[in-house]
């Protein structure tokens, strides 16, 4: 499911809510391509550290975990940067997924 976020200046982004298949298959690269350098570096370092101690299996586990949480993290970071749900449908979806508060 996708929602639209916009800023006061009129910039619009379409973001996916829920499980991140791209993160599942490609690891930290989707974050890198989205310009989310902080989380790309965090995912890379965690995969590197866990993979080094577990002969690579830990990197796969961290990829699975980040697949479940990365889209939520990305949306929250966009909201902190000034993006808001573009319409009431987007707001309702984000409220149901506990990404934004009803009273914010």
PDB file of N, CA and C in Angstrom:
ATOM      1  N   UNK A   1       0.842  -1.158   0.000  1.00  0.00           N
ATOM      2  CA  UNK A   1       0.000   0.000   0.000  1.00  0.00           C
ATOM      3  C   UNK A   1       0.899   1.236   0.000  1.00  0.00           C
ATOM      4  N   UNK A   2       0.508   2.233  -0.724  1.00  0.00           N
ATOM      5  CA  UNK A   2       1.290   3.455  -0.856  1.00  0.00           C
ATOM      6  C   UNK A   2       0.484   4.656  -0.380  1.00  0.00           C
ATOM      7  N   UNK A   3       1.204   5.634   0.158  1.00  0.00           N
ATOM      8  CA  UNK A   3       0.565   6.894   0.561  1.00  0.00           C
ATOM      9  C   UNK A   3       1.385   8.047  -0.002  1.00  0.00           C
ATOM     10  N   UNK A   4       0.730   9.184  -0.119  1.00  0.00           N
ATOM     11  CA  UNK A   4       1.398  10.391  -0.590  1.00  0.00           C
ATOM     12  C   UNK A   4       1.660  11.306   0.595  1.00  0.00           C
ATOM     13  N   UNK A   5       2.884  11.837   0.646  1.00  0.00           N
ATOM     14  CA  UNK A   5       3.263  12.820   1.656  1.00  0.00           C
ATOM     15  C   UNK A   5       3.646  14.092   0.928  1.00  0.00           C
ATOM     16  N   UNK A   6       3.344  15.253   1.534  1.00  0.00           N
ATOM     17  CA  UNK A   6       3.705  16.518   0.893  1.00  0.00           C
ATOM     18  C   UNK A   6       4.216  17.498   1.939  1.00  0.00           C
ATOM     19  N   UNK A   7       4.966  18.485   1.459  1.00  0.00           N
ATOM     20  CA  UNK A   7       5.460  19.549   2.332  1.00  0.00           C
ATOM     21  C   UNK A   7       4.616  20.794   2.123  1.00  0.00           C
ATOM     22  N   UNK A   8       4.858  21.788   2.960  1.00  0.00           N
ATOM     23  CA  UNK A   8       4.164  23.073   2.804  1.00  0.00           C
ATOM     24  C   UNK A   8       4.546  23.733   1.482  1.00  0.00           C
ATOM     25  N   UNK A   9       5.761  23.471   1.003  1.00  0.00           N
ATOM     26  CA  UNK A   9       6.229  24.068  -0.247  1.00  0.00           C
ATOM     27  C   UNK A   9       5.656  23.369  -1.477  1.00  0.00           C
ATOM     28  N   UNK A  10       4.962  22.251  -1.271  1.00  0.00           N
ATOM     29  CA  UNK A  10       4.334  21.562  -2.387  1.00  0.00           C
ATOM     30  C   UNK A  10       5.086  20.346  -2.895  1.00  0.00           C
ATOM     31  N   UNK A  11       6.232  20.008  -2.301  1.00  0.00           N
ATOM     32  CA  UNK A  11       6.946  18.798  -2.711  1.00  0.00           C
ATOM     33  C   UNK A  11       6.128  17.583  -2.322  1.00  0.00           C
ATOM     34  N   UNK A  12       6.086  16.598  -3.201  1.00  0.00           N
ATOM     35  CA  UNK A  12       5.256  15.421  -2.968  1.00  0.00           C
ATOM     36  C   UNK A  12       6.115  14.168  -3.105  1.00  0.00           C
ATOM     37  N   UNK A  13       5.908  13.212  -2.192  1.00  0.00           N
ATOM     38  CA  UNK A  13       6.578  11.916  -2.271  1.00  0.00           C
ATOM     39  C   UNK A  13       5.539  10.829  -2.096  1.00  0.00           C
ATOM     40  N   UNK A  14       5.697   9.779  -2.882  1.00  0.00           N
ATOM     41  CA  UNK A  14       4.867   8.591  -2.721  1.00  0.00           C
ATOM     42  C   UNK A  14       5.725   7.550  -2.013  1.00  0.00           C
ATOM     43  N   UNK A  15       5.250   7.072  -0.873  1.00  0.00           N
ATOM     44  CA  UNK A  15       6.021   6.113  -0.083  1.00  0.00           C
ATOM     45  C   UNK A  15       5.186   4.872   0.186  1.00  0.00           C
ATOM     46  N   UNK A  16       5.875   3.745   0.302  1.00  0.00           N
ATOM     47  CA  UNK A  16       5.221   2.482   0.576  1.00  0.00           C
ATOM     48  C   UNK A  16       5.120   2.289   2.078  1.00  0.00           C
ATOM     49  N   UNK A  17       4.005   1.741   2.514  1.00  0.00           N
ATOM     50  CA  UNK A  17       3.771   1.456   3.931  1.00  0.00           C
ATOM     51  C   UNK A  17       3.762  -0.062   4.088  1.00  0.00           C
ATOM     52  N   UNK A  18       4.448  -0.546   5.114  1.00  0.00           N
ATOM     53  CA  UNK A  18       4.447  -1.980   5.377  1.00  0.00           C
ATOM     54  C   UNK A  18       5.787  -2.621   5.055  1.00  0.00           C
ATOM     55  N   UNK A  19       5.739  -3.899   4.739  1.00  0.00           N
ATOM     56  CA  UNK A  19       6.941  -4.694   4.484  1.00  0.00           C
ATOM     57  C   UNK A  19       7.699  -4.148   3.276  1.00  0.00           C
ATOM     58  N   UNK A  20       9.017  -4.066   3.389  1.00  0.00           N
ATOM     59  CA  UNK A  20       9.851  -3.546   2.299  1.00  0.00           C
ATOM     60  C   UNK A  20      10.507  -4.696   1.544  1.00  0.00           C
ATOM     61  N   UNK A  21       9.894  -5.059   0.428  1.00  0.00           N
ATOM     62  CA  UNK A  21      10.467  -6.139  -0.376  1.00  0.00           C
ATOM     63  C   UNK A  21      11.815  -5.741  -0.962  1.00  0.00           C
ATOM     64  N   UNK A  22      11.976  -4.465  -1.284  1.00  0.00           N
ATOM     65  CA  UNK A  22      13.260  -4.039  -1.846  1.00  0.00           C
ATOM     66  C   UNK A  22      14.380  -4.165  -0.822  1.00  0.00           C
ATOM     67  N   UNK A  23      14.106  -3.852   0.434  1.00  0.00           N
ATOM     68  CA  UNK A  23      15.107  -4.029   1.482  1.00  0.00           C
ATOM     69  C   UNK A  23      15.362  -5.511   1.719  1.00  0.00           C
ATOM     70  N   UNK A  24      14.331  -6.329   1.616  1.00  0.00           N
ATOM     71  CA  UNK A  24      14.481  -7.772   1.785  1.00  0.00           C
ATOM     72  C   UNK A  24      15.445  -8.342   0.743  1.00  0.00           C
ATOM     73  N   UNK A  25      15.294  -7.934  -0.521  1.00  0.00           N
ATOM     74  CA  UNK A  25      16.122  -8.495  -1.583  1.00  0.00           C
ATOM     75  C   UNK A  25      17.451  -7.773  -1.782  1.00  0.00           C
ATOM     76  N   UNK A  26      17.505  -6.467  -1.508  1.00  0.00           N
ATOM     77  CA  UNK A  26      18.695  -5.694  -1.839  1.00  0.00           C
ATOM     78  C   UNK A  26      19.396  -5.063  -0.642  1.00  0.00           C
ATOM     79  N   UNK A  27      18.956  -5.341   0.560  1.00  0.00           N
ATOM     80  CA  UNK A  27      19.639  -4.864   1.760  1.00  0.00           C
ATOM     81  C   UNK A  27      19.600  -3.354   1.919  1.00  0.00           C
ATOM     82  N   UNK A  28      20.766  -2.762   2.083  1.00  0.00           N
ATOM     83  CA  UNK A  28      20.836  -1.327   2.360  1.00  0.00           C
ATOM     84  C   UNK A  28      20.731  -0.458   1.105  1.00  0.00           C
ATOM     85  N   UNK A  29      20.754  -1.049  -0.077  1.00  0.00           N
ATOM     86  CA  UNK A  29      20.734  -0.264  -1.317  1.00  0.00           C
ATOM     87  C   UNK A  29      19.472   0.592  -1.507  1.00  0.00           C
ATOM     88  N   UNK A  30      18.263   0.124  -1.181  1.00  0.00           N
ATOM     89  CA  UNK A  30      17.101   1.006  -1.316  1.00  0.00           C
ATOM     90  C   UNK A  30      17.226   2.280  -0.481  1.00  0.00           C
ATOM     91  N   UNK A  31      17.734   2.156   0.739  1.00  0.00           N
ATOM     92  CA  UNK A  31      17.938   3.349   1.568  1.00  0.00           C
ATOM     93  C   UNK A  31      18.949   4.278   0.916  1.00  0.00           C
ATOM     94  N   UNK A  32      19.987   3.719   0.354  1.00  0.00           N
ATOM     95  CA  UNK A  32      21.009   4.510  -0.328  1.00  0.00           C
ATOM     96  C   UNK A  32      20.423   5.244  -1.533  1.00  0.00           C
ATOM     97  N   UNK A  33      19.616   4.563  -2.324  1.00  0.00           N
ATOM     98  CA  UNK A  33      19.021   5.180  -3.510  1.00  0.00           C
ATOM     99  C   UNK A  33      17.960   6.218  -3.153  1.00  0.00           C
ATOM    100  N   UNK A  34      17.330   6.088  -1.990  1.00  0.00           N
ATOM    101  CA  UNK A  34      16.357   7.080  -1.544  1.00  0.00           C
ATOM    102  C   UNK A  34      17.033   8.318  -0.953  1.00  0.00           C
ATOM    103  N   UNK A  35      18.342   8.262  -0.804  1.00  0.00           N
ATOM    104  CA  UNK A  35      19.063   9.386  -0.225  1.00  0.00           C
ATOM    105  C   UNK A  35      19.081   9.352   1.286  1.00  0.00           C
ATOM    106  N   UNK A  36      18.698   8.235   1.862  1.00  0.00           N
ATOM    107  CA  UNK A  36      18.668   8.063   3.309  1.00  0.00           C
ATOM    108  C   UNK A  36      20.007   7.480   3.756  1.00  0.00           C
ATOM    109  N   UNK A  37      21.034   8.312   3.710  1.00  0.00           N
ATOM    110  CA  UNK A  37      22.398   7.843   3.950  1.00  0.00           C
ATOM    111  C   UNK A  37      22.602   7.339   5.372  1.00  0.00           C
ATOM    112  N   UNK A  38      21.961   7.974   6.340  1.00  0.00           N
ATOM    113  CA  UNK A  38      22.121   7.545   7.732  1.00  0.00           C
ATOM    114  C   UNK A  38      21.689   6.091   7.911  1.00  0.00           C
ATOM    115  N   UNK A  39      20.487   5.759   7.438  1.00  0.00           N
ATOM    116  CA  UNK A  39      20.001   4.396   7.625  1.00  0.00           C
ATOM    117  C   UNK A  39      20.678   3.407   6.701  1.00  0.00           C
ATOM    118  N   UNK A  40      21.133   3.849   5.543  1.00  0.00           N
ATOM    119  CA  UNK A  40      21.913   2.960   4.676  1.00  0.00           C
ATOM    120  C   UNK A  40      23.198   2.553   5.385  1.00  0.00           C
ATOM    121  N   UNK A  41      23.867   3.515   6.020  1.00  0.00           N
ATOM    122  CA  UNK A  41      25.103   3.213   6.750  1.00  0.00           C
ATOM    123  C   UNK A  41      24.826   2.323   7.960  1.00  0.00           C
ATOM    124  N   UNK A  42      23.752   2.594   8.677  1.00  0.00           N
ATOM    125  CA  UNK A  42      23.408   1.775   9.845  1.00  0.00           C
ATOM    126  C   UNK A  42      23.129   0.338   9.421  1.00  0.00           C
ATOM    127  N   UNK A  43      22.326   0.155   8.373  1.00  0.00           N
ATOM    128  CA  UNK A  43      22.020  -1.201   7.907  1.00  0.00           C
ATOM    129  C   UNK A  43      23.273  -1.916   7.418  1.00  0.00           C
ATOM    130  N   UNK A  44      24.135  -1.196   6.701  1.00  0.00           N
ATOM    131  CA  UNK A  44      25.364  -1.798   6.198  1.00  0.00           C
ATOM    132  C   UNK A  44      26.260  -2.236   7.355  1.00  0.00           C
ATOM    133  N   UNK A  45      26.459  -1.370   8.338  1.00  0.00           N
ATOM    134  CA  UNK A  45      27.334  -1.699   9.461  1.00  0.00           C
ATOM    135  C   UNK A  45      26.782  -2.851  10.296  1.00  0.00           C
ATOM    136  N   UNK A  46      25.496  -2.865  10.547  1.00  0.00           N
ATOM    137  CA  UNK A  46      24.911  -3.973  11.312  1.00  0.00           C
ATOM    138  C   UNK A  46      25.061  -5.284  10.544  1.00  0.00           C
ATOM    139  N   UNK A  47      24.788  -5.255   9.241  1.00  0.00           N
ATOM    140  CA  UNK A  47      24.951  -6.465   8.437  1.00  0.00           C
ATOM    141  C   UNK A  47      26.403  -6.914   8.420  1.00  0.00           C
ATOM    142  N   UNK A  48      27.314  -5.972   8.318  1.00  0.00           N
ATOM    143  CA  UNK A  48      28.742  -6.295   8.298  1.00  0.00           C
ATOM    144  C   UNK A  48      29.185  -6.913   9.623  1.00  0.00           C
ATOM    145  N   UNK A  49      28.786  -6.309  10.722  1.00  0.00           N
ATOM    146  CA  UNK A  49      29.190  -6.808  12.042  1.00  0.00           C
ATOM    147  C   UNK A  49      28.571  -8.175  12.321  1.00  0.00           C
ATOM    148  N   UNK A  50      27.261  -8.307  12.118  1.00  0.00           N
ATOM    149  CA  UNK A  50      26.614  -9.590  12.373  1.00  0.00           C
ATOM    150  C   UNK A  50      27.097 -10.667  11.415  1.00  0.00           C
ATOM    151  N   UNK A  51      27.351 -10.290  10.177  1.00  0.00           N
ATOM    152  CA  UNK A  51      27.839 -11.257   9.197  1.00  0.00           C
ATOM    153  C   UNK A  51      29.239 -11.750   9.509  1.00  0.00           C
ATOM    154  N   UNK A  52      30.059 -10.882  10.064  1.00  0.00           N
ATOM    155  CA  UNK A  52      31.436 -11.265  10.388  1.00  0.00           C
ATOM    156  C   UNK A  52      31.478 -12.305  11.501  1.00  0.00           C
ATOM    157  N   UNK A  53      30.570 -12.207  12.450  1.00  0.00           N
ATOM    158  CA  UNK A  53      30.584 -13.134  13.581  1.00  0.00           C
ATOM    159  C   UNK A  53      29.809 -14.418  13.331  1.00  0.00           C
ATOM    160  N   UNK A  54      29.019 -14.466  12.264  1.00  0.00           N
ATOM    161  CA  UNK A  54      28.168 -15.637  12.032  1.00  0.00           C
ATOM    162  C   UNK A  54      28.359 -16.223  10.638  1.00  0.00           C
ATOM    163  N   UNK A  55      29.471 -15.964  10.017  1.00  0.00           N
ATOM    164  CA  UNK A  55      29.791 -16.472   8.679  1.00  0.00           C
ATOM    165  C   UNK A  55      28.713 -16.094   7.660  1.00  0.00           C
ATOM    166  N   UNK A  56      28.156 -14.904   7.797  1.00  0.00           N
ATOM    167  CA  UNK A  56      27.197 -14.384   6.838  1.00  0.00           C
ATOM    168  C   UNK A  56      25.732 -14.561   7.187  1.00  0.00           C
ATOM    169  N   UNK A  57      25.419 -15.485   8.088  1.00  0.00           N
ATOM    170  CA  UNK A  57      24.015 -15.721   8.423  1.00  0.00           C
ATOM    171  C   UNK A  57      23.390 -14.537   9.164  1.00  0.00           C
ATOM    172  N   UNK A  58      24.166 -13.860   9.981  1.00  0.00           N
ATOM    173  CA  UNK A  58      23.652 -12.706  10.719  1.00  0.00           C
ATOM    174  C   UNK A  58      23.246 -11.566   9.804  1.00  0.00           C
ATOM    175  N   UNK A  59      23.951 -11.422   8.679  1.00  0.00           N
ATOM    176  CA  UNK A  59      23.606 -10.383   7.713  1.00  0.00           C
ATOM    177  C   UNK A  59      22.229 -10.654   7.116  1.00  0.00           C
ATOM    178  N   UNK A  60      21.910 -11.910   6.866  1.00  0.00           N
ATOM    179  CA  UNK A  60      20.596 -12.264   6.332  1.00  0.00           C
ATOM    180  C   UNK A  60      19.505 -11.981   7.359  1.00  0.00           C
ATOM    181  N   UNK A  61      19.784 -12.283   8.612  1.00  0.00           N
ATOM    182  CA  UNK A  61      18.799 -12.041   9.670  1.00  0.00           C
ATOM    183  C   UNK A  61      18.534 -10.545   9.813  1.00  0.00           C
ATOM    184  N   UNK A  62      19.590  -9.734   9.798  1.00  0.00           N
ATOM    185  CA  UNK A  62      19.381  -8.290   9.912  1.00  0.00           C
ATOM    186  C   UNK A  62      18.613  -7.760   8.709  1.00  0.00           C
ATOM    187  N   UNK A  63      18.833  -8.317   7.538  1.00  0.00           N
ATOM    188  CA  UNK A  63      18.073  -7.914   6.357  1.00  0.00           C
ATOM    189  C   UNK A  63      16.597  -8.209   6.498  1.00  0.00           C
ATOM    190  N   UNK A  64      16.277  -9.352   7.080  1.00  0.00           N
ATOM    191  CA  UNK A  64      14.873  -9.703   7.295  1.00  0.00           C
ATOM    192  C   UNK A  64      14.234  -8.754   8.305  1.00  0.00           C
ATOM    193  N   UNK A  65      14.945  -8.466   9.387  1.00  0.00           N
ATOM    194  CA  UNK A  65      14.412  -7.561  10.408  1.00  0.00           C
ATOM    195  C   UNK A  65      14.179  -6.170   9.821  1.00  0.00           C
ATOM    196  N   UNK A  66      15.168  -5.639   9.099  1.00  0.00           N
ATOM    197  CA  UNK A  66      15.011  -4.307   8.506  1.00  0.00           C
ATOM    198  C   UNK A  66      13.905  -4.281   7.452  1.00  0.00           C
ATOM    199  N   UNK A  67      13.616  -5.397   6.818  1.00  0.00           N
ATOM    200  CA  UNK A  67      12.520  -5.448   5.846  1.00  0.00           C
ATOM    201  C   UNK A  67      11.185  -5.119   6.489  1.00  0.00           C
ATOM    202  N   UNK A  68      11.029  -5.503   7.745  1.00  0.00           N
ATOM    203  CA  UNK A  68       9.775  -5.248   8.446  1.00  0.00           C
ATOM    204  C   UNK A  68       9.685  -3.822   8.977  1.00  0.00           C
ATOM    205  N   UNK A  69      10.809  -3.166   9.251  1.00  0.00           N
ATOM    206  CA  UNK A  69      10.752  -1.866   9.927  1.00  0.00           C
ATOM    207  C   UNK A  69      11.234  -0.681   9.087  1.00  0.00           C
ATOM    208  N   UNK A  70      11.926  -0.903   7.982  1.00  0.00           N
ATOM    209  CA  UNK A  70      12.555   0.221   7.293  1.00  0.00           C
ATOM    210  C   UNK A  70      11.555   1.237   6.732  1.00  0.00           C
ATOM    211  N   UNK A  71      10.477   0.798   6.107  1.00  0.00           N
ATOM    212  CA  UNK A  71       9.531   1.766   5.536  1.00  0.00           C
ATOM    213  C   UNK A  71       8.939   2.665   6.626  1.00  0.00           C
ATOM    214  N   UNK A  72       8.665   2.101   7.792  1.00  0.00           N
ATOM    215  CA  UNK A  72       8.144   2.892   8.902  1.00  0.00           C
ATOM    216  C   UNK A  72       9.181   3.920   9.358  1.00  0.00           C
ATOM    217  N   UNK A  73      10.435   3.500   9.457  1.00  0.00           N
ATOM    218  CA  UNK A  73      11.518   4.412   9.835  1.00  0.00           C
ATOM    219  C   UNK A  73      11.633   5.541   8.813  1.00  0.00           C
ATOM    220  N   UNK A  74      11.584   5.198   7.538  1.00  0.00           N
ATOM    221  CA  UNK A  74      11.722   6.190   6.465  1.00  0.00           C
ATOM    222  C   UNK A  74      10.591   7.218   6.502  1.00  0.00           C
ATOM    223  N   UNK A  75       9.363   6.748   6.712  1.00  0.00           N
ATOM    224  CA  UNK A  75       8.222   7.665   6.772  1.00  0.00           C
ATOM    225  C   UNK A  75       8.347   8.590   7.973  1.00  0.00           C
ATOM    226  N   UNK A  76       8.746   8.050   9.118  1.00  0.00           N
ATOM    227  CA  UNK A  76       8.905   8.891  10.311  1.00  0.00           C
ATOM    228  C   UNK A  76       9.975   9.953  10.091  1.00  0.00           C
ATOM    229  N   UNK A  77      11.062   9.611   9.415  1.00  0.00           N
ATOM    230  CA  UNK A  77      12.107  10.592   9.131  1.00  0.00           C
ATOM    231  C   UNK A  77      11.590  11.673   8.183  1.00  0.00           C
ATOM    232  N   UNK A  78      10.779  11.292   7.194  1.00  0.00           N
ATOM    233  CA  UNK A  78      10.192  12.294   6.297  1.00  0.00           C
ATOM    234  C   UNK A  78       9.257  13.230   7.060  1.00  0.00           C
ATOM    235  N   UNK A  79       8.494  12.698   7.985  1.00  0.00           N
ATOM    236  CA  UNK A  79       7.588  13.523   8.785  1.00  0.00           C
ATOM    237  C   UNK A  79       8.387  14.506   9.632  1.00  0.00           C
ATOM    238  N   UNK A  80       9.517  14.049  10.180  1.00  0.00           N
ATOM    239  CA  UNK A  80      10.380  14.951  10.943  1.00  0.00           C
ATOM    240  C   UNK A  80      10.954  16.065  10.064  1.00  0.00           C
ATOM    241  N   UNK A  81      11.108  15.785   8.771  1.00  0.00           N
ATOM    242  CA  UNK A  81      11.648  16.783   7.841  1.00  0.00           C
ATOM    243  C   UNK A  81      10.581  17.727   7.319  1.00  0.00           C
ATOM    244  N   UNK A  82       9.326  17.552   7.741  1.00  0.00           N
ATOM    245  CA  UNK A  82       8.280  18.487   7.349  1.00  0.00           C
ATOM    246  C   UNK A  82       7.235  17.941   6.401  1.00  0.00           C
ATOM    247  N   UNK A  83       7.311  16.681   6.027  1.00  0.00           N
ATOM    248  CA  UNK A  83       6.287  16.080   5.175  1.00  0.00           C
ATOM    249  C   UNK A  83       5.073  15.745   6.018  1.00  0.00           C
ATOM    250  N   UNK A  84       3.904  15.848   5.409  1.00  0.00           N
ATOM    251  CA  UNK A  84       2.640  15.533   6.064  1.00  0.00           C
ATOM    252  C   UNK A  84       1.804  14.683   5.114  1.00  0.00           C
ATOM    253  N   UNK A  85       0.860  13.900   5.648  1.00  0.00           N
ATOM    254  CA  UNK A  85      -0.023  13.141   4.754  1.00  0.00           C
ATOM    255  C   UNK A  85      -0.752  14.095   3.807  1.00  0.00           C
ATOM    256  N   UNK A  86      -0.822  13.710   2.541  1.00  0.00           N
ATOM    257  CA  UNK A  86      -1.397  14.588   1.527  1.00  0.00           C
ATOM    258  C   UNK A  86      -2.915  14.657   1.592  1.00  0.00           C
ATOM    259  N   UNK A  87      -3.541  13.628   2.138  1.00  0.00           N
ATOM    260  CA  UNK A  87      -5.005  13.623   2.219  1.00  0.00           C
ATOM    261  C   UNK A  87      -5.437  12.813   3.438  1.00  0.00           C
ATOM    262  N   UNK A  88      -6.736  12.775   3.676  1.00  0.00           N
ATOM    263  CA  UNK A  88      -7.263  12.072   4.854  1.00  0.00           C
ATOM    264  C   UNK A  88      -7.081  10.564   4.753  1.00  0.00           C
ATOM    265  N   UNK A  89      -7.138  10.036   3.540  1.00  0.00           N
ATOM    266  CA  UNK A  89      -6.921   8.595   3.358  1.00  0.00           C
ATOM    267  C   UNK A  89      -5.500   8.214   3.778  1.00  0.00           C
ATOM    268  N   UNK A  90      -4.520   9.010   3.368  1.00  0.00           N
ATOM    269  CA  UNK A  90      -3.129   8.753   3.751  1.00  0.00           C
ATOM    270  C   UNK A  90      -2.955   8.872   5.260  1.00  0.00           C
ATOM    271  N   UNK A  91      -3.587   9.879   5.859  1.00  0.00           N
ATOM    272  CA  UNK A  91      -3.509  10.052   7.314  1.00  0.00           C
ATOM    273  C   UNK A  91      -4.103   8.839   8.030  1.00  0.00           C
ATOM    274  N   UNK A  92      -5.243   8.343   7.557  1.00  0.00           N
ATOM    275  CA  UNK A  92      -5.896   7.192   8.186  1.00  0.00           C
ATOM    276  C   UNK A  92      -5.021   5.944   8.095  1.00  0.00           C
ATOM    277  N   UNK A  93      -4.388   5.745   6.958  1.00  0.00           N
ATOM    278  CA  UNK A  93      -3.499   4.588   6.789  1.00  0.00           C
ATOM    279  C   UNK A  93      -2.324   4.685   7.750  1.00  0.00           C
ATOM    280  N   UNK A  94      -1.720   5.865   7.848  1.00  0.00           N
ATOM    281  CA  UNK A  94      -0.574   6.048   8.734  1.00  0.00           C
ATOM    282  C   UNK A  94      -0.980   5.942  10.206  1.00  0.00           C
ATOM    283  N   UNK A  95      -2.188   6.362  10.542  1.00  0.00           N
ATOM    284  CA  UNK A  95      -2.678   6.198  11.919  1.00  0.00           C
ATOM    285  C   UNK A  95      -2.896   4.728  12.243  1.00  0.00           C
ATOM    286  N   UNK A  96      -3.456   3.971  11.300  1.00  0.00           N
ATOM    287  CA  UNK A  96      -3.690   2.540  11.525  1.00  0.00           C
ATOM    288  C   UNK A  96      -2.389   1.774  11.710  1.00  0.00           C
ATOM    289  N   UNK A  97      -1.336   2.197  11.041  1.00  0.00           N
ATOM    290  CA  UNK A  97      -0.034   1.539  11.163  1.00  0.00           C
ATOM    291  C   UNK A  97       0.796   2.111  12.308  1.00  0.00           C
ATOM    292  N   UNK A  98       0.207   3.036  13.085  1.00  0.00           N
ATOM    293  CA  UNK A  98       0.866   3.664  14.252  1.00  0.00           C
ATOM    294  C   UNK A  98       2.127   4.410  13.856  1.00  0.00           C
ATOM    295  N   UNK A  99       2.086   5.075  12.720  1.00  0.00           N
ATOM    296  CA  UNK A  99       3.217   5.879  12.270  1.00  0.00           C
ATOM    297  C   UNK A  99       3.009   7.334  12.668  1.00  0.00           C
ATOM    298  N   UNK A 100       1.794   7.827  12.531  1.00  0.00           N
ATOM    299  CA  UNK A 100       1.466   9.170  12.999  1.00  0.00           C
ATOM    300  C   UNK A 100       0.364   9.061  14.038  1.00  0.00           C
ATOM    301  N   UNK A 101       0.301  10.068  14.874  1.00  0.00           N
ATOM    302  CA  UNK A 101      -0.712  10.109  15.924  1.00  0.00           C
ATOM    303  C   UNK A 101      -1.954  10.810  15.400  1.00  0.00           C
ATOM    304  N   UNK A 102      -3.064  10.452  15.923  1.00  0.00           N
ATOM    305  CA  UNK A 102      -4.322  11.089  15.553  1.00  0.00           C
ATOM    306  C   UNK A 102      -4.330  12.549  15.957  1.00  0.00           C
ATOM    307  N   UNK A 103      -3.592  12.880  17.007  1.00  0.00           N
ATOM    308  CA  UNK A 103      -3.636  14.229  17.576  1.00  0.00           C
ATOM    309  C   UNK A 103      -2.453  15.089  17.137  1.00  0.00           C
ATOM    310  N   UNK A 104      -1.618  14.586  16.231  1.00  0.00           N
ATOM    311  CA  UNK A 104      -0.453  15.366  15.805  1.00  0.00           C
ATOM    312  C   UNK A 104      -0.799  16.286  14.663  1.00  0.00           C
TER     313      UNK A 104
END
